[in-house]
Amino acid sequence: MILKPLIALVAASVLAMKLTQHLGRQQLQRRAKDDHQRQRDDVHRWEGEGGNLPPTPQR
């Protein structure tokens, strides 16, 4: 009698846990992709501004 609801509860809990893990993994992948794009944009902007400029000679 109580076995079926207990099995259903455990199954629902496992599904919810798997869904949460999947969504968290997707968010991490999206964040890594965004960070990579942001870093690439920063490098292009830095290069456009001249990159490492040679040191000015001191007098």
N, C-alpha and C. Protein backbone atom coordinates (compact mmCIF):
# COMPACT_ATOMS: atom_id res chain seq x y z
N MET A 1 0.82 -1.20 0.00
CA MET A 1 0.00 0.00 0.00
C MET A 1 0.86 1.27 0.00
N ILE A 2 1.78 1.34 0.92
CA ILE A 2 2.61 2.55 1.01
C ILE A 2 3.82 2.47 0.09
N LEU A 3 4.03 1.30 -0.51
CA LEU A 3 5.20 1.10 -1.34
C LEU A 3 5.15 1.91 -2.64
N LYS A 4 4.01 1.93 -3.31
CA LYS A 4 3.90 2.66 -4.58
C LYS A 4 4.13 4.17 -4.41
N PRO A 5 3.51 4.82 -3.43
CA PRO A 5 3.79 6.25 -3.26
C PRO A 5 5.25 6.53 -2.89
N LEU A 6 5.85 5.63 -2.13
CA LEU A 6 7.25 5.80 -1.74
C LEU A 6 8.16 5.69 -2.98
N ILE A 7 7.88 4.71 -3.83
CA ILE A 7 8.66 4.55 -5.05
C ILE A 7 8.46 5.77 -5.95
N ALA A 8 7.25 6.27 -6.05
CA ALA A 8 6.97 7.45 -6.87
C ALA A 8 7.70 8.67 -6.32
N LEU A 9 7.75 8.82 -5.02
CA LEU A 9 8.45 9.93 -4.40
C LEU A 9 9.95 9.86 -4.68
N VAL A 10 10.53 8.68 -4.55
CA VAL A 10 11.95 8.51 -4.81
C VAL A 10 12.25 8.79 -6.29
N ALA A 11 11.41 8.29 -7.19
CA ALA A 11 11.61 8.51 -8.61
C ALA A 11 11.51 9.99 -8.95
N ALA A 12 10.54 10.68 -8.38
CA ALA A 12 10.39 12.11 -8.63
C ALA A 12 11.59 12.88 -8.08
N SER A 13 12.09 12.48 -6.95
CA SER A 13 13.26 13.14 -6.36
C SER A 13 14.50 12.95 -7.23
N VAL A 14 14.68 11.75 -7.74
CA VAL A 14 15.83 11.47 -8.60
C VAL A 14 15.72 12.28 -9.88
N LEU A 15 14.54 12.35 -10.47
CA LEU A 15 14.35 13.14 -11.69
C LEU A 15 14.62 14.62 -11.44
N ALA A 16 14.14 15.12 -10.33
CA ALA A 16 14.39 16.53 -10.00
C ALA A 16 15.88 16.79 -9.81
N MET A 17 16.59 15.87 -9.17
CA MET A 17 18.02 16.02 -8.95
C MET A 17 18.76 16.02 -10.29
N LYS A 18 18.39 15.08 -11.18
CA LYS A 18 19.03 15.01 -12.49
C LYS A 18 18.77 16.28 -13.30
N LEU A 19 17.56 16.79 -13.24
CA LEU A 19 17.22 18.02 -13.96
C LEU A 19 18.04 19.19 -13.43
N THR A 20 18.17 19.29 -12.12
CA THR A 20 18.94 20.36 -11.50
C THR A 20 20.41 20.27 -11.91
N GLN A 21 20.97 19.07 -11.92
CA GLN A 21 22.36 18.88 -12.34
C GLN A 21 22.55 19.27 -13.80
N HIS A 22 21.61 18.88 -14.64
CA HIS A 22 21.69 19.19 -16.08
C HIS A 22 21.64 20.69 -16.31
N LEU A 23 20.73 21.37 -15.65
CA LEU A 23 20.62 22.81 -15.82
C LEU A 23 21.86 23.53 -15.29
N GLY A 24 22.41 23.06 -14.19
CA GLY A 24 23.63 23.65 -13.65
C GLY A 24 24.80 23.47 -14.59
N ARG A 25 24.89 22.30 -15.20
CA ARG A 25 25.97 22.02 -16.15
C ARG A 25 25.84 22.92 -17.39
N GLN A 26 24.61 23.11 -17.87
CA GLN A 26 24.39 23.99 -19.01
C GLN A 26 24.79 25.42 -18.68
N GLN A 27 24.47 25.87 -17.47
CA GLN A 27 24.82 27.23 -17.07
C GLN A 27 26.33 27.40 -17.01
N LEU A 28 27.04 26.40 -16.50
CA LEU A 28 28.51 26.48 -16.45
C LEU A 28 29.11 26.54 -17.85
N GLN A 29 28.57 25.74 -18.77
CA GLN A 29 29.08 25.75 -20.13
C GLN A 29 28.81 27.10 -20.79
N ARG A 30 27.64 27.65 -20.56
CA ARG A 30 27.30 28.95 -21.14
C ARG A 30 28.22 30.04 -20.58
N ARG A 31 28.46 29.98 -19.27
CA ARG A 31 29.34 30.97 -18.63
C ARG A 31 30.76 30.87 -19.17
N ALA A 32 31.26 29.65 -19.36
CA ALA A 32 32.61 29.46 -19.90
C ALA A 32 32.69 30.02 -21.32
N LYS A 33 31.65 29.78 -22.11
CA LYS A 33 31.64 30.29 -23.48
C LYS A 33 31.62 31.82 -23.47
N ASP A 34 30.81 32.41 -22.60
CA ASP A 34 30.74 33.87 -22.50
C ASP A 34 32.07 34.45 -22.03
N ASP A 35 32.72 33.80 -21.07
CA ASP A 35 34.02 34.27 -20.58
C ASP A 35 35.07 34.22 -21.69
N HIS A 36 35.03 33.16 -22.48
CA HIS A 36 35.99 33.03 -23.58
C HIS A 36 35.77 34.15 -24.60
N GLN A 37 34.51 34.41 -24.94
CA GLN A 37 34.20 35.47 -25.90
C GLN A 37 34.62 36.84 -25.35
N ARG A 38 34.37 37.07 -24.06
CA ARG A 38 34.74 38.34 -23.43
C ARG A 38 36.25 38.53 -23.44
N GLN A 39 37.00 37.46 -23.15
CA GLN A 39 38.45 37.55 -23.16
C GLN A 39 38.96 37.84 -24.57
N ARG A 40 38.38 37.19 -25.57
CA ARG A 40 38.79 37.42 -26.95
C ARG A 40 38.51 38.86 -27.36
N ASP A 41 37.35 39.39 -26.96
CA ASP A 41 37.04 40.78 -27.26
C ASP A 41 38.02 41.73 -26.57
N ASP A 42 38.38 41.42 -25.33
CA ASP A 42 39.34 42.26 -24.60
C ASP A 42 40.70 42.28 -25.30
N VAL A 43 41.13 41.11 -25.79
CA VAL A 43 42.43 41.03 -26.46
C VAL A 43 42.39 41.84 -27.76
N HIS A 44 41.29 41.72 -28.51
CA HIS A 44 41.18 42.48 -29.75
C HIS A 44 41.17 43.99 -29.48
N ARG A 45 40.48 44.40 -28.43
CA ARG A 45 40.44 45.82 -28.08
C ARG A 45 41.83 46.29 -27.65
N TRP A 46 42.52 45.47 -26.85
CA TRP A 46 43.86 45.80 -26.37
C TRP A 46 44.82 45.92 -27.55
N GLU A 47 44.72 44.99 -28.51
CA GLU A 47 45.59 45.06 -29.68
C GLU A 47 45.26 46.28 -30.52
N GLY A 48 43.98 46.63 -30.62
CA GLY A 48 43.57 47.80 -31.37
C GLY A 48 44.08 49.09 -30.75
N GLU A 49 44.27 49.06 -29.45
CA GLU A 49 44.78 50.25 -28.75
C GLU A 49 46.30 50.31 -28.75
N GLY A 50 46.95 49.34 -29.36
CA GLY A 50 48.41 49.39 -29.47
C GLY A 50 49.12 48.30 -28.70
N GLY A 51 48.42 47.52 -27.92
CA GLY A 51 49.06 46.44 -27.17
C GLY A 51 50.06 46.98 -26.17
N ASN A 52 51.15 46.27 -26.01
CA ASN A 52 52.22 46.72 -25.12
C ASN A 52 53.05 47.76 -25.86
N LEU A 53 52.94 48.98 -25.47
CA LEU A 53 53.72 50.03 -26.09
C LEU A 53 55.16 49.98 -25.58
N PRO A 54 56.12 50.31 -26.43
CA PRO A 54 57.52 50.28 -25.95
C PRO A 54 57.71 51.33 -24.88
N PRO A 55 58.60 51.07 -23.94
CA PRO A 55 58.80 52.06 -22.85
C PRO A 55 59.40 53.34 -23.41
N THR A 56 58.98 54.43 -22.84
CA THR A 56 59.50 55.74 -23.27
C THR A 56 60.90 55.91 -22.67
N PRO A 57 61.83 56.40 -23.48
CA PRO A 57 63.20 56.60 -22.94
C PRO A 57 63.21 57.70 -21.89
N GLN A 58 63.96 57.46 -20.85
CA GLN A 58 64.06 58.47 -19.79
C GLN A 58 65.21 59.42 -20.08
N ARG A 59 65.01 60.67 -19.73
CA ARG A 59 66.03 61.68 -20.02
C ARG A 59 66.88 61.95 -18.82
